[in-house]
Each structure stands twice: as structure tokens, then as C-alpha cells.
Amino acid sequence: MYRNLTTLFIFFLTLPNVWAQATIWAPEGATWVYSRLTAVEQSFIILRYEKDTLYEGQLAKKINFSGFAITGSGPDTAYTPEIMLSSQYFHQDGEIVKWYNDGDYKTIYDFSTQPGEGWELKENSFYTCDSNPLQPSDSIYVTSIDTEILDGKSFDVITIGASDYWSIGSQIVKGIGSLQTPYPIPAPASCADIDGAVGRPEALMLYYDDNIGCLDRSSGYLSCSKIITSTKNAFWNSTPSSFTLAPNPTNSYLNITADISKLNGFSYSIYDVDGRLQDQQTSINNRKINVTTLQRGVYFIVFNDKNGATLTFKILKNE
């Protein structure tokens, strides 16, 4: 019997590690800052992970895209307020990351791909081309995978060969993404006149998540701490101390403690733990939120103001 157990143990040791944990992309706190093509000011696009939710039949990561700019230099450097652009949804299936665009989840990264292999990169419907019709897809091939030191940290970097029609950049950092663009853009040789080229991503300048910390590729031009902790307007600068929900847990109503003037233009949405929308209101009446119709359980309330800022609270509904 002991011999059989020993043989079985050795057998499992020799099996491939099929249970190895997949690369975690967009974990808690994930934030990307890409520089953008502009004619005058230093312009950037910032991506912030908000939450996991259900979207179009898939468990997806909701990532909010905003834009901001930097004016001046030296002691006169100033950050303009962030302007909310859109919310985008990404689905991770093992080592594959897909982006929802034009009614479909499309692969943008495959962290498991080895040199000589690749994947299909489908078109980005946000872009058109006046001089040359863009093809609906392109083939991406990995030329090498190397360990590189970026901002004093070690990363696996996937190098991509030149493509004909669509590009996701020439280098992809495993677990972070492209060093050039967060979504497919037309390859340089495919279109000389890209509609909407102004504002197109150019390079990853900063990245942050709660595990890695800050990856600064801006040579100190950007302030990582300022961007990661930045807020979109003065309202959020005073939270959560001046904006509270009580009682929590609750049986019926949540009372909001806040300056009533700051609630103008507010809306809120309530989601269950699976990301399903349970309630949505375009205004807040009498500083109260009615949750009597919710079943017992854990929920998330997401507040949105007229400028696009968001704030999320976790609540517990009792019987």
C-alpha cells in the first residue's frame, strides 16, 4: 500500500503544472497613464480599474478612461482636471485578455504566447482611414520574450514583430499590457491619414497597482503619487469623512451625511456581488436611499456626479 502511495505521489509531481495561477491583469488599484498625440500641450489618457462586473454575458473588468493635460513647466507645472471619456470592458480568460468593442470581445493580449506564435488582432471600430481602407484583422507574432528591468523592477517583456494593418505596440509587459497603447491602433504603414489621430496613445508613462507599486517611465516628468491619488473634483477631496452612509448594515434605508449642495447632479447605481444592476436613480431625494426591495446580502452602491467622478460603498442588507 505504501509503495502505491509513493508511486502516486511521484506521478503527480511529474505532471505539468496545469494548476499554475494565470497572470493577473488589472488587479485592485490598477492605473495606466499613456501619453497622447497632440499638437500643443502635453496630453494624457488615464485608465483606472473600477470593479469586476457582468457585461455582455462575461465577467468583465470595468475600466474608466479619462483625459488630462499638463501645462507649464518647473514650479509652474499644473495638472488640468480629468475629463471622463468612457468606460471600457475587458474580459480575462486564463492568459488571454479581451476588449469589448463593436459588439464583441476581441483578444488584445495573450500572455502565454511563445516566440514564433501569435494571435489575431481584430480592428478597432473607433478608427477609420481616409487614404486606405483598414482591414478587419491582422496577425500578431511574438519575436522574443525577455526579462527586463523597468524602473528598478523585473518584468517579462514580450516583443511583437511589425504588423501590416493593426498594432498593439512593439512591446507588451506581462501582467501590465502594452508599452504603447491600451487598445489596437492602425499600424504606421497601414494608414497615412487616420481619422481622429490627434489623441491617439503613444507610450505608457506610468503604471500602478497595489501589488507592483508604481512603474514610472516618464523620467520624473509625471508625479506618480499625484496621479494615483488624484481626484476628479473638490467633492472627492473631502471623502470619505464628509460623505457617509448609515446605518450599515441596514434593513430599509441608508442615510447620506454630506453637504446637500454637493448632492446636486448626483446619480447612483446598486449592484450585487455578481455585478448585476439592482437599482439605478438619477437623483437623490432627502439624503435617503431606499433598499427595502433588496434581498439579504452584500451590495455595492456607485455614486456618480455630473463631472464623471465616482465613489463606491459596500453595504450589507439585512432581512
C-alpha atoms as a PDB file:
ATOM      1  CA  MET A   1       0.000   0.000   0.000  1.00  0.00           C
ATOM      2  CA  TYR A   2       2.776   2.435   0.926  1.00  0.00           C
ATOM      3  CA  ARG A   3       4.571   1.633  -2.331  1.00  0.00           C
ATOM      4  CA  ASN A   4       1.401   2.512  -4.274  1.00  0.00           C
ATOM      5  CA  LEU A   5       1.034   5.804  -2.428  1.00  0.00           C
ATOM      6  CA  THR A   6       4.655   6.684  -3.118  1.00  0.00           C
ATOM      7  CA  THR A   7       4.236   5.873  -6.802  1.00  0.00           C
ATOM      8  CA  LEU A   8       1.097   8.017  -6.956  1.00  0.00           C
ATOM      9  CA  PHE A   9       2.872  10.918  -5.255  1.00  0.00           C
ATOM     10  CA  ILE A  10       5.767  10.772  -7.728  1.00  0.00           C
ATOM     11  CA  PHE A  11       3.267  10.623 -10.592  1.00  0.00           C
ATOM     12  CA  PHE A  12       1.621  13.876  -9.530  1.00  0.00           C
ATOM     13  CA  LEU A  13       4.989  15.560  -9.106  1.00  0.00           C
ATOM     14  CA  THR A  14       5.826  14.784 -12.724  1.00  0.00           C
ATOM     15  CA  LEU A  15       2.570  16.186 -14.095  1.00  0.00           C
ATOM     16  CA  PRO A  16       2.688  19.571 -15.866  1.00  0.00           C
ATOM     17  CA  ASN A  17       1.682  22.393 -13.590  1.00  0.00           C
ATOM     18  CA  VAL A  18      -1.737  22.809 -15.145  1.00  0.00           C
ATOM     19  CA  TRP A  19      -2.984  24.461 -11.967  1.00  0.00           C
ATOM     20  CA  ALA A  20      -0.421  27.266 -12.151  1.00  0.00           C
ATOM     21  CA  GLN A  21      -2.077  30.583 -11.463  1.00  0.00           C
ATOM     22  CA  ALA A  22      -2.834  32.656 -14.531  1.00  0.00           C
ATOM     23  CA  THR A  23      -1.263  36.058 -14.962  1.00  0.00           C
ATOM     24  CA  ILE A  24      -3.328  38.609 -13.063  1.00  0.00           C
ATOM     25  CA  TRP A  25      -4.128  41.573 -15.282  1.00  0.00           C
ATOM     26  CA  ALA A  26      -5.838  44.718 -13.952  1.00  0.00           C
ATOM     27  CA  PRO A  27      -5.801  43.860 -10.222  1.00  0.00           C
ATOM     28  CA  GLU A  28      -7.015  46.123  -7.430  1.00  0.00           C
ATOM     29  CA  GLY A  29      -5.755  49.677  -7.848  1.00  0.00           C
ATOM     30  CA  ALA A  30      -4.594  49.184 -11.460  1.00  0.00           C
ATOM     31  CA  THR A  31      -3.965  52.517 -13.168  1.00  0.00           C
ATOM     32  CA  TRP A  32      -2.312  53.231 -16.516  1.00  0.00           C
ATOM     33  CA  VAL A  33      -1.241  56.606 -17.917  1.00  0.00           C
ATOM     34  CA  TYR A  34      -0.476  56.874 -21.642  1.00  0.00           C
ATOM     35  CA  SER A  35       0.800  59.949 -23.437  1.00  0.00           C
ATOM     36  CA  ARG A  36      -1.287  61.060 -26.392  1.00  0.00           C
ATOM     37  CA  LEU A  37      -0.510  62.618 -29.760  1.00  0.00           C
ATOM     38  CA  THR A  38      -1.303  66.333 -29.582  1.00  0.00           C
ATOM     39  CA  ALA A  39      -0.180  69.435 -31.383  1.00  0.00           C
ATOM     40  CA  VAL A  40       0.391  71.743 -28.415  1.00  0.00           C
ATOM     41  CA  GLU A  41       0.034  70.703 -24.759  1.00  0.00           C
ATOM     42  CA  GLN A  42       1.203  67.532 -23.040  1.00  0.00           C
ATOM     43  CA  SER A  43      -1.915  65.379 -23.130  1.00  0.00           C
ATOM     44  CA  PHE A  44      -2.541  62.015 -21.473  1.00  0.00           C
ATOM     45  CA  ILE A  45      -5.136  59.308 -21.182  1.00  0.00           C
ATOM     46  CA  ILE A  46      -5.570  57.618 -17.819  1.00  0.00           C
ATOM     47  CA  LEU A  47      -7.190  54.244 -17.250  1.00  0.00           C
ATOM     48  CA  ARG A  48      -8.483  53.310 -13.816  1.00  0.00           C
ATOM     49  CA  TYR A  49      -9.761  49.878 -12.821  1.00  0.00           C
ATOM     50  CA  GLU A  50     -13.136  50.320 -11.127  1.00  0.00           C
ATOM     51  CA  LYS A  51     -14.553  46.860 -10.469  1.00  0.00           C
ATOM     52  CA  ASP A  52     -15.351  43.413 -11.783  1.00  0.00           C
ATOM     53  CA  THR A  53     -18.860  43.190 -13.198  1.00  0.00           C
ATOM     54  CA  LEU A  54     -21.014  41.269 -15.667  1.00  0.00           C
ATOM     55  CA  TYR A  55     -21.064  42.810 -19.128  1.00  0.00           C
ATOM     56  CA  GLU A  56     -22.491  41.291 -22.300  1.00  0.00           C
ATOM     57  CA  GLY A  57     -22.563  37.821 -20.808  1.00  0.00           C
ATOM     58  CA  GLN A  58     -18.988  37.821 -19.489  1.00  0.00           C
ATOM     59  CA  LEU A  59     -17.354  38.589 -16.166  1.00  0.00           C
ATOM     60  CA  ALA A  60     -15.540  41.761 -17.124  1.00  0.00           C
ATOM     61  CA  LYS A  61     -13.236  44.360 -15.647  1.00  0.00           C
ATOM     62  CA  LYS A  62     -14.740  47.818 -15.886  1.00  0.00           C
ATOM     63  CA  ILE A  63     -12.019  50.346 -16.615  1.00  0.00           C
ATOM     64  CA  ASN A  64     -12.732  54.061 -16.798  1.00  0.00           C
ATOM     65  CA  PHE A  65     -10.902  56.144 -19.403  1.00  0.00           C
ATOM     66  CA  SER A  66     -10.242  59.822 -18.671  1.00  0.00           C
ATOM     67  CA  GLY A  67      -8.139  62.541 -20.230  1.00  0.00           C
ATOM     68  CA  PHE A  68      -5.982  65.248 -18.659  1.00  0.00           C
ATOM     69  CA  ALA A  69      -3.180  67.563 -19.667  1.00  0.00           C
ATOM     70  CA  ILE A  70      -0.134  69.238 -18.141  1.00  0.00           C
ATOM     71  CA  THR A  71       0.543  72.903 -18.660  1.00  0.00           C
ATOM     72  CA  GLY A  72       3.617  74.916 -17.764  1.00  0.00           C
ATOM     73  CA  SER A  73       6.923  73.545 -16.534  1.00  0.00           C
ATOM     74  CA  GLY A  74       9.078  73.510 -13.420  1.00  0.00           C
ATOM     75  CA  PRO A  75       7.405  75.221 -10.460  1.00  0.00           C
ATOM     76  CA  ASP A  76       4.611  76.397 -12.791  1.00  0.00           C
ATOM     77  CA  THR A  77       3.597  72.856 -13.781  1.00  0.00           C
ATOM     78  CA  ALA A  78      -0.141  72.330 -13.405  1.00  0.00           C
ATOM     79  CA  TYR A  79      -2.413  69.337 -13.960  1.00  0.00           C
ATOM     80  CA  THR A  80      -5.752  70.052 -15.593  1.00  0.00           C
ATOM     81  CA  PRO A  81      -8.844  68.300 -14.143  1.00  0.00           C
ATOM     82  CA  GLU A  82      -9.575  64.843 -15.509  1.00  0.00           C
ATOM     83  CA  ILE A  83     -12.338  64.646 -18.092  1.00  0.00           C
ATOM     84  CA  MET A  84     -14.264  61.379 -18.192  1.00  0.00           C
ATOM     85  CA  LEU A  85     -14.121  59.892 -21.702  1.00  0.00           C
ATOM     86  CA  SER A  86     -15.769  56.471 -21.452  1.00  0.00           C
ATOM     87  CA  SER A  87     -15.972  53.182 -19.590  1.00  0.00           C
ATOM     88  CA  GLN A  88     -14.475  50.167 -21.362  1.00  0.00           C
ATOM     89  CA  TYR A  89     -14.840  46.487 -20.513  1.00  0.00           C
ATOM     90  CA  PHE A  90     -12.166  43.790 -20.579  1.00  0.00           C
ATOM     91  CA  HIS A  91     -12.518  40.046 -20.020  1.00  0.00           C
ATOM     92  CA  GLN A  92      -9.634  37.825 -18.901  1.00  0.00           C
ATOM     93  CA  ASP A  93      -9.766  34.139 -19.830  1.00  0.00           C
ATOM     94  CA  GLY A  94      -6.655  32.486 -18.407  1.00  0.00           C
ATOM     95  CA  GLU A  95      -3.687  34.177 -20.083  1.00  0.00           C
ATOM     96  CA  ILE A  96      -5.867  35.902 -22.696  1.00  0.00           C
ATOM     97  CA  VAL A  97      -7.212  39.438 -22.250  1.00  0.00           C
ATOM     98  CA  LYS A  98     -10.096  40.546 -24.449  1.00  0.00           C
ATOM     99  CA  TRP A  99     -11.544  44.013 -25.014  1.00  0.00           C
ATOM    100  CA  TYR A 100     -15.225  44.593 -25.790  1.00  0.00           C
ATOM    101  CA  ASN A 101     -15.507  46.621 -28.986  1.00  0.00           C
ATOM    102  CA  ASP A 102     -18.158  46.827 -31.678  1.00  0.00           C
ATOM    103  CA  GLY A 103     -20.370  44.128 -30.165  1.00  0.00           C
ATOM    104  CA  ASP A 104     -17.689  41.513 -29.498  1.00  0.00           C
ATOM    105  CA  TYR A 105     -14.890  40.607 -27.093  1.00  0.00           C
ATOM    106  CA  LYS A 106     -11.630  40.807 -29.073  1.00  0.00           C
ATOM    107  CA  THR A 107      -8.243  39.440 -27.984  1.00  0.00           C
ATOM    108  CA  ILE A 108      -5.647  42.146 -27.340  1.00  0.00           C
ATOM    109  CA  TYR A 109      -3.127  40.154 -25.243  1.00  0.00           C
ATOM    110  CA  ASP A 110      -2.137  36.524 -24.968  1.00  0.00           C
ATOM    111  CA  PHE A 111       0.476  36.302 -22.226  1.00  0.00           C
ATOM    112  CA  SER A 112       1.017  32.576 -22.888  1.00  0.00           C
ATOM    113  CA  THR A 113       2.215  33.041 -26.473  1.00  0.00           C
ATOM    114  CA  GLN A 114       5.792  31.904 -27.166  1.00  0.00           C
ATOM    115  CA  PRO A 115       8.278  33.195 -29.767  1.00  0.00           C
ATOM    116  CA  GLY A 116       7.106  32.216 -33.250  1.00  0.00           C
ATOM    117  CA  GLU A 117       3.468  32.092 -32.112  1.00  0.00           C
ATOM    118  CA  GLY A 118       0.858  34.808 -32.169  1.00  0.00           C
ATOM    119  CA  TRP A 119      -2.803  35.726 -32.160  1.00  0.00           C
ATOM    120  CA  GLU A 120      -5.380  37.511 -34.273  1.00  0.00           C
ATOM    121  CA  LEU A 121      -5.749  41.210 -33.551  1.00  0.00           C
ATOM    122  CA  LYS A 122      -9.105  42.493 -34.726  1.00  0.00           C
ATOM    123  CA  GLU A 123      -9.951  46.002 -35.818  1.00  0.00           C
ATOM    124  CA  ASN A 124     -10.773  48.875 -33.508  1.00  0.00           C
ATOM    125  CA  SER A 125     -14.037  50.412 -34.696  1.00  0.00           C
ATOM    126  CA  PHE A 126     -13.031  53.786 -33.215  1.00  0.00           C
ATOM    127  CA  TYR A 127     -10.626  54.311 -36.130  1.00  0.00           C
ATOM    128  CA  THR A 128     -11.203  54.775 -39.836  1.00  0.00           C
ATOM    129  CA  CYS A 129      -8.781  55.709 -42.607  1.00  0.00           C
ATOM    130  CA  ASP A 130      -9.318  58.204 -45.420  1.00  0.00           C
ATOM    131  CA  SER A 131      -6.391  57.173 -47.587  1.00  0.00           C
ATOM    132  CA  ASN A 132      -6.615  53.384 -47.328  1.00  0.00           C
ATOM    133  CA  PRO A 133      -9.427  51.106 -46.090  1.00  0.00           C
ATOM    134  CA  LEU A 134      -8.339  49.295 -42.931  1.00  0.00           C
ATOM    135  CA  GLN A 135      -8.529  45.511 -42.844  1.00  0.00           C
ATOM    136  CA  PRO A 136     -10.823  43.832 -40.292  1.00  0.00           C
ATOM    137  CA  SER A 137      -7.969  41.971 -38.581  1.00  0.00           C
ATOM    138  CA  ASP A 138      -4.233  41.337 -38.521  1.00  0.00           C
ATOM    139  CA  SER A 139      -1.830  38.658 -37.298  1.00  0.00           C
ATOM    140  CA  ILE A 140       0.375  39.398 -34.300  1.00  0.00           C
ATOM    141  CA  TYR A 141       3.596  37.411 -33.878  1.00  0.00           C
ATOM    142  CA  VAL A 142       5.932  37.202 -30.894  1.00  0.00           C
ATOM    143  CA  THR A 143       9.615  37.527 -31.767  1.00  0.00           C
ATOM    144  CA  SER A 144      11.098  37.207 -28.276  1.00  0.00           C
ATOM    145  CA  ILE A 145      10.374  37.150 -24.546  1.00  0.00           C
ATOM    146  CA  ASP A 146      12.986  38.679 -22.273  1.00  0.00           C
ATOM    147  CA  THR A 147      13.363  39.681 -18.652  1.00  0.00           C
ATOM    148  CA  GLU A 148      13.914  43.425 -18.461  1.00  0.00           C
ATOM    149  CA  ILE A 149      14.403  45.923 -15.651  1.00  0.00           C
ATOM    150  CA  LEU A 150      11.902  48.781 -15.796  1.00  0.00           C
ATOM    151  CA  ASP A 151      12.115  51.467 -13.133  1.00  0.00           C
ATOM    152  CA  GLY A 152      14.148  49.114 -10.968  1.00  0.00           C
ATOM    153  CA  LYS A 153      11.687  46.230 -11.213  1.00  0.00           C
ATOM    154  CA  SER A 154      11.980  42.966 -13.149  1.00  0.00           C
ATOM    155  CA  PHE A 155       9.339  42.130 -15.771  1.00  0.00           C
ATOM    156  CA  ASP A 156       8.793  39.627 -18.573  1.00  0.00           C
ATOM    157  CA  VAL A 157       8.590  41.687 -21.758  1.00  0.00           C
ATOM    158  CA  ILE A 158       7.041  40.248 -24.933  1.00  0.00           C
ATOM    159  CA  THR A 159       8.385  41.758 -28.159  1.00  0.00           C
ATOM    160  CA  ILE A 160       5.998  41.873 -31.112  1.00  0.00           C
ATOM    161  CA  GLY A 161       7.024  41.920 -34.760  1.00  0.00           C
ATOM    162  CA  ALA A 162       5.849  44.655 -37.126  1.00  0.00           C
ATOM    163  CA  SER A 163       2.266  44.210 -38.346  1.00  0.00           C
ATOM    164  CA  ASP A 164       0.646  45.297 -41.590  1.00  0.00           C
ATOM    165  CA  TYR A 165      -2.697  46.750 -40.521  1.00  0.00           C
ATOM    166  CA  TRP A 166      -3.269  46.818 -36.753  1.00  0.00           C
ATOM    167  CA  SER A 167      -0.845  47.270 -33.867  1.00  0.00           C
ATOM    168  CA  ILE A 168      -0.921  46.758 -30.107  1.00  0.00           C
ATOM    169  CA  GLY A 169       2.591  48.177 -29.801  1.00  0.00           C
ATOM    170  CA  SER A 170       6.008  46.595 -30.174  1.00  0.00           C
ATOM    171  CA  GLN A 171       6.379  45.516 -26.525  1.00  0.00           C
ATOM    172  CA  ILE A 172       3.952  44.043 -24.007  1.00  0.00           C
ATOM    173  CA  VAL A 173       4.742  43.694 -20.312  1.00  0.00           C
ATOM    174  CA  LYS A 174       3.269  40.513 -18.907  1.00  0.00           C
ATOM    175  CA  GLY A 175       0.559  41.373 -16.392  1.00  0.00           C
ATOM    176  CA  ILE A 176       0.528  45.076 -17.320  1.00  0.00           C
ATOM    177  CA  GLY A 177      -0.017  45.366 -21.048  1.00  0.00           C
ATOM    178  CA  SER A 178       1.324  47.339 -23.971  1.00  0.00           C
ATOM    179  CA  LEU A 179       4.050  49.935 -23.564  1.00  0.00           C
ATOM    180  CA  GLN A 180       2.417  51.945 -26.354  1.00  0.00           C
ATOM    181  CA  THR A 181      -1.368  51.666 -26.457  1.00  0.00           C
ATOM    182  CA  PRO A 182      -4.160  50.149 -24.347  1.00  0.00           C
ATOM    183  CA  TYR A 183      -6.140  49.090 -27.425  1.00  0.00           C
ATOM    184  CA  PRO A 184      -5.468  48.314 -31.118  1.00  0.00           C
ATOM    185  CA  ILE A 185      -4.454  51.243 -33.304  1.00  0.00           C
ATOM    186  CA  PRO A 186      -3.714  51.291 -37.040  1.00  0.00           C
ATOM    187  CA  ALA A 187      -0.168  50.162 -37.839  1.00  0.00           C
ATOM    188  CA  PRO A 188       2.051  53.055 -39.003  1.00  0.00           C
ATOM    189  CA  ALA A 189       2.355  51.659 -42.537  1.00  0.00           C
ATOM    190  CA  SER A 190      -1.368  50.981 -42.960  1.00  0.00           C
ATOM    191  CA  CYS A 191      -2.764  54.484 -42.963  1.00  0.00           C
ATOM    192  CA  ALA A 192      -1.158  57.834 -43.646  1.00  0.00           C
ATOM    193  CA  ASP A 193      -4.245  59.804 -42.635  1.00  0.00           C
ATOM    194  CA  ILE A 194      -6.019  58.357 -39.617  1.00  0.00           C
ATOM    195  CA  ASP A 195      -9.301  59.979 -38.670  1.00  0.00           C
ATOM    196  CA  GLY A 196      -9.030  61.079 -35.080  1.00  0.00           C
ATOM    197  CA  ALA A 197      -5.262  60.632 -34.968  1.00  0.00           C
ATOM    198  CA  VAL A 198      -4.981  63.508 -32.521  1.00  0.00           C
ATOM    199  CA  GLY A 199      -5.325  61.969 -29.091  1.00  0.00           C
ATOM    200  CA  ARG A 200      -4.027  58.577 -30.208  1.00  0.00           C
ATOM    201  CA  PRO A 201      -1.957  56.806 -27.489  1.00  0.00           C
ATOM    202  CA  GLU A 202       1.817  56.942 -27.919  1.00  0.00           C
ATOM    203  CA  ALA A 203       3.551  55.499 -24.843  1.00  0.00           C
ATOM    204  CA  LEU A 204       2.881  54.119 -21.371  1.00  0.00           C
ATOM    205  CA  MET A 205       4.243  56.707 -18.951  1.00  0.00           C
ATOM    206  CA  LEU A 206       3.037  55.388 -15.589  1.00  0.00           C
ATOM    207  CA  TYR A 207       1.522  52.226 -14.203  1.00  0.00           C
ATOM    208  CA  TYR A 208       0.396  51.378 -10.703  1.00  0.00           C
ATOM    209  CA  ASP A 209      -1.346  48.580  -8.845  1.00  0.00           C
ATOM    210  CA  ASP A 210      -1.445  47.596  -5.187  1.00  0.00           C
ATOM    211  CA  ASN A 211       0.959  44.677  -5.753  1.00  0.00           C
ATOM    212  CA  ILE A 212       3.630  46.148  -8.037  1.00  0.00           C
ATOM    213  CA  GLY A 213       3.513  49.707  -6.800  1.00  0.00           C
ATOM    214  CA  CYS A 214       4.494  52.453  -9.221  1.00  0.00           C
ATOM    215  CA  LEU A 215       6.239  51.886 -12.549  1.00  0.00           C
ATOM    216  CA  ASP A 216       7.418  55.310 -13.732  1.00  0.00           C
ATOM    217  CA  ARG A 217       8.572  55.610 -17.355  1.00  0.00           C
ATOM    218  CA  SER A 218       8.139  59.382 -17.525  1.00  0.00           C
ATOM    219  CA  SER A 219      11.690  60.160 -16.271  1.00  0.00           C
ATOM    220  CA  GLY A 220      10.147  62.053 -13.399  1.00  0.00           C
ATOM    221  CA  TYR A 221       8.041  64.288 -15.652  1.00  0.00           C
ATOM    222  CA  LEU A 222       4.836  62.962 -14.098  1.00  0.00           C
ATOM    223  CA  SER A 223       4.130  62.562 -10.407  1.00  0.00           C
ATOM    224  CA  CYS A 224       3.077  59.002  -9.715  1.00  0.00           C
ATOM    225  CA  SER A 225       1.751  59.753  -6.244  1.00  0.00           C
ATOM    226  CA  LYS A 226      -0.176  62.773  -7.509  1.00  0.00           C
ATOM    227  CA  ILE A 227      -1.839  60.851 -10.318  1.00  0.00           C
ATOM    228  CA  ILE A 228      -2.601  57.693  -8.367  1.00  0.00           C
ATOM    229  CA  THR A 229      -4.145  59.619  -5.504  1.00  0.00           C
ATOM    230  CA  SER A 230      -5.605  62.383  -7.661  1.00  0.00           C
ATOM    231  CA  THR A 231      -9.289  63.126  -7.554  1.00  0.00           C
ATOM    232  CA  LYS A 232     -11.528  64.492 -10.242  1.00  0.00           C
ATOM    233  CA  ASN A 233     -13.073  67.373  -8.335  1.00  0.00           C
ATOM    234  CA  ALA A 234     -13.169  69.045  -4.948  1.00  0.00           C
ATOM    235  CA  PHE A 235     -16.050  66.900  -3.772  1.00  0.00           C
ATOM    236  CA  TRP A 236     -13.967  63.742  -3.620  1.00  0.00           C
ATOM    237  CA  ASN A 237     -11.167  65.538  -1.816  1.00  0.00           C
ATOM    238  CA  SER A 238     -13.302  65.505   1.313  1.00  0.00           C
ATOM    239  CA  THR A 239     -14.442  61.884   1.206  1.00  0.00           C
ATOM    240  CA  PRO A 240     -14.992  59.566   2.885  1.00  0.00           C
ATOM    241  CA  SER A 241     -15.051  61.575   6.127  1.00  0.00           C
ATOM    242  CA  SER A 242     -17.686  64.056   4.917  1.00  0.00           C
ATOM    243  CA  PHE A 243     -19.680  61.559   2.861  1.00  0.00           C
ATOM    244  CA  THR A 244     -21.013  58.575   4.753  1.00  0.00           C
ATOM    245  CA  LEU A 245     -23.841  56.050   4.553  1.00  0.00           C
ATOM    246  CA  ALA A 246     -25.576  54.838   7.708  1.00  0.00           C
ATOM    247  CA  PRO A 247     -26.762  52.582   9.136  1.00  0.00           C
ATOM    248  CA  ASN A 248     -24.704  49.869   7.517  1.00  0.00           C
ATOM    249  CA  PRO A 249     -25.892  47.074   7.773  1.00  0.00           C
ATOM    250  CA  THR A 250     -29.446  48.271   7.164  1.00  0.00           C
ATOM    251  CA  ASN A 251     -32.957  46.866   6.832  1.00  0.00           C
ATOM    252  CA  SER A 252     -34.609  49.629   4.854  1.00  0.00           C
ATOM    253  CA  TYR A 253     -32.927  52.991   4.267  1.00  0.00           C
ATOM    254  CA  LEU A 254     -29.423  54.412   4.032  1.00  0.00           C
ATOM    255  CA  ASN A 255     -28.960  57.962   5.256  1.00  0.00           C
ATOM    256  CA  ILE A 256     -26.369  60.118   3.499  1.00  0.00           C
ATOM    257  CA  THR A 257     -24.234  62.506   5.511  1.00  0.00           C
ATOM    258  CA  ALA A 258     -22.927  65.208   3.173  1.00  0.00           C
ATOM    259  CA  ASP A 259     -23.247  68.848   2.259  1.00  0.00           C
ATOM    260  CA  ILE A 260     -26.591  68.945   0.444  1.00  0.00           C
ATOM    261  CA  SER A 261     -25.168  71.319  -2.195  1.00  0.00           C
ATOM    262  CA  LYS A 262     -22.714  68.612  -3.208  1.00  0.00           C
ATOM    263  CA  LEU A 263     -25.519  66.165  -3.985  1.00  0.00           C
ATOM    264  CA  ASN A 264     -26.864  68.227  -6.871  1.00  0.00           C
ATOM    265  CA  GLY A 265     -26.426  66.392 -10.149  1.00  0.00           C
ATOM    266  CA  PHE A 266     -25.758  63.070  -8.446  1.00  0.00           C
ATOM    267  CA  SER A 267     -26.958  59.656  -9.565  1.00  0.00           C
ATOM    268  CA  TYR A 268     -26.316  56.220  -8.137  1.00  0.00           C
ATOM    269  CA  SER A 269     -26.439  52.551  -9.117  1.00  0.00           C
ATOM    270  CA  ILE A 270     -26.683  49.493  -6.872  1.00  0.00           C
ATOM    271  CA  TYR A 271     -25.019  46.218  -7.916  1.00  0.00           C
ATOM    272  CA  ASP A 272     -24.966  42.786  -6.326  1.00  0.00           C
ATOM    273  CA  VAL A 273     -21.722  40.864  -5.795  1.00  0.00           C
ATOM    274  CA  ASP A 274     -22.018  39.360  -9.312  1.00  0.00           C
ATOM    275  CA  GLY A 275     -22.155  42.791 -10.908  1.00  0.00           C
ATOM    276  CA  ARG A 276     -25.866  42.678 -11.740  1.00  0.00           C
ATOM    277  CA  LEU A 277     -27.624  46.040 -11.624  1.00  0.00           C
ATOM    278  CA  GLN A 278     -30.318  46.050  -8.912  1.00  0.00           C
ATOM    279  CA  ASP A 279     -31.381  49.680  -8.832  1.00  0.00           C
ATOM    280  CA  GLN A 280     -30.494  52.946 -10.522  1.00  0.00           C
ATOM    281  CA  GLN A 281     -31.615  56.504  -9.759  1.00  0.00           C
ATOM    282  CA  THR A 282     -30.752  59.788 -11.447  1.00  0.00           C
ATOM    283  CA  SER A 283     -31.186  61.866  -8.297  1.00  0.00           C
ATOM    284  CA  ILE A 284     -31.003  61.620  -4.509  1.00  0.00           C
ATOM    285  CA  ASN A 285     -34.069  62.649  -2.521  1.00  0.00           C
ATOM    286  CA  ASN A 286     -33.966  63.762   1.114  1.00  0.00           C
ATOM    287  CA  ARG A 287     -30.486  62.264   1.566  1.00  0.00           C
ATOM    288  CA  LYS A 288     -32.026  58.793   1.705  1.00  0.00           C
ATOM    289  CA  ILE A 289     -31.601  55.635  -0.369  1.00  0.00           C
ATOM    290  CA  ASN A 290     -34.385  53.061  -0.224  1.00  0.00           C
ATOM    291  CA  VAL A 291     -33.082  49.485  -0.196  1.00  0.00           C
ATOM    292  CA  THR A 292     -36.174  47.762   1.163  1.00  0.00           C
ATOM    293  CA  THR A 293     -36.706  45.786  -2.038  1.00  0.00           C
ATOM    294  CA  LEU A 294     -33.230  44.233  -1.986  1.00  0.00           C
ATOM    295  CA  GLN A 295     -32.775  40.685  -0.803  1.00  0.00           C
ATOM    296  CA  ARG A 296     -30.477  39.982   2.111  1.00  0.00           C
ATOM    297  CA  GLY A 297     -26.826  40.143   1.054  1.00  0.00           C
ATOM    298  CA  VAL A 298     -23.846  42.285   0.092  1.00  0.00           C
ATOM    299  CA  TYR A 299     -24.203  45.095  -2.462  1.00  0.00           C
ATOM    300  CA  PHE A 300     -22.170  47.927  -3.949  1.00  0.00           C
ATOM    301  CA  ILE A 301     -23.517  51.444  -4.383  1.00  0.00           C
ATOM    302  CA  VAL A 302     -21.719  53.507  -7.034  1.00  0.00           C
ATOM    303  CA  PHE A 303     -22.276  57.267  -6.888  1.00  0.00           C
ATOM    304  CA  ASN A 304     -21.639  59.392  -9.977  1.00  0.00           C
ATOM    305  CA  ASP A 305     -21.507  63.155 -10.136  1.00  0.00           C
ATOM    306  CA  LYS A 306     -22.108  65.373 -13.166  1.00  0.00           C
ATOM    307  CA  ASN A 307     -18.349  65.608 -13.834  1.00  0.00           C
ATOM    308  CA  GLY A 308     -17.914  61.848 -14.126  1.00  0.00           C
ATOM    309  CA  ALA A 309     -16.349  61.215 -10.714  1.00  0.00           C
ATOM    310  CA  THR A 310     -17.347  58.002  -8.955  1.00  0.00           C
ATOM    311  CA  LEU A 311     -17.352  56.743  -5.406  1.00  0.00           C
ATOM    312  CA  THR A 312     -18.246  53.193  -4.338  1.00  0.00           C
ATOM    313  CA  PHE A 313     -19.589  51.946  -0.998  1.00  0.00           C
ATOM    314  CA  LYS A 314     -20.033  48.347   0.115  1.00  0.00           C
ATOM    315  CA  ILE A 315     -23.237  47.748   2.097  1.00  0.00           C
ATOM    316  CA  LEU A 316     -24.915  44.834   3.835  1.00  0.00           C
ATOM    317  CA  LYS A 317     -28.691  44.423   3.566  1.00  0.00           C
ATOM    318  CA  ASN A 318     -30.320  42.576   6.446  1.00  0.00           C
ATOM    319  CA  GLU A 319     -33.710  40.863   6.406  1.00  0.00           C
END
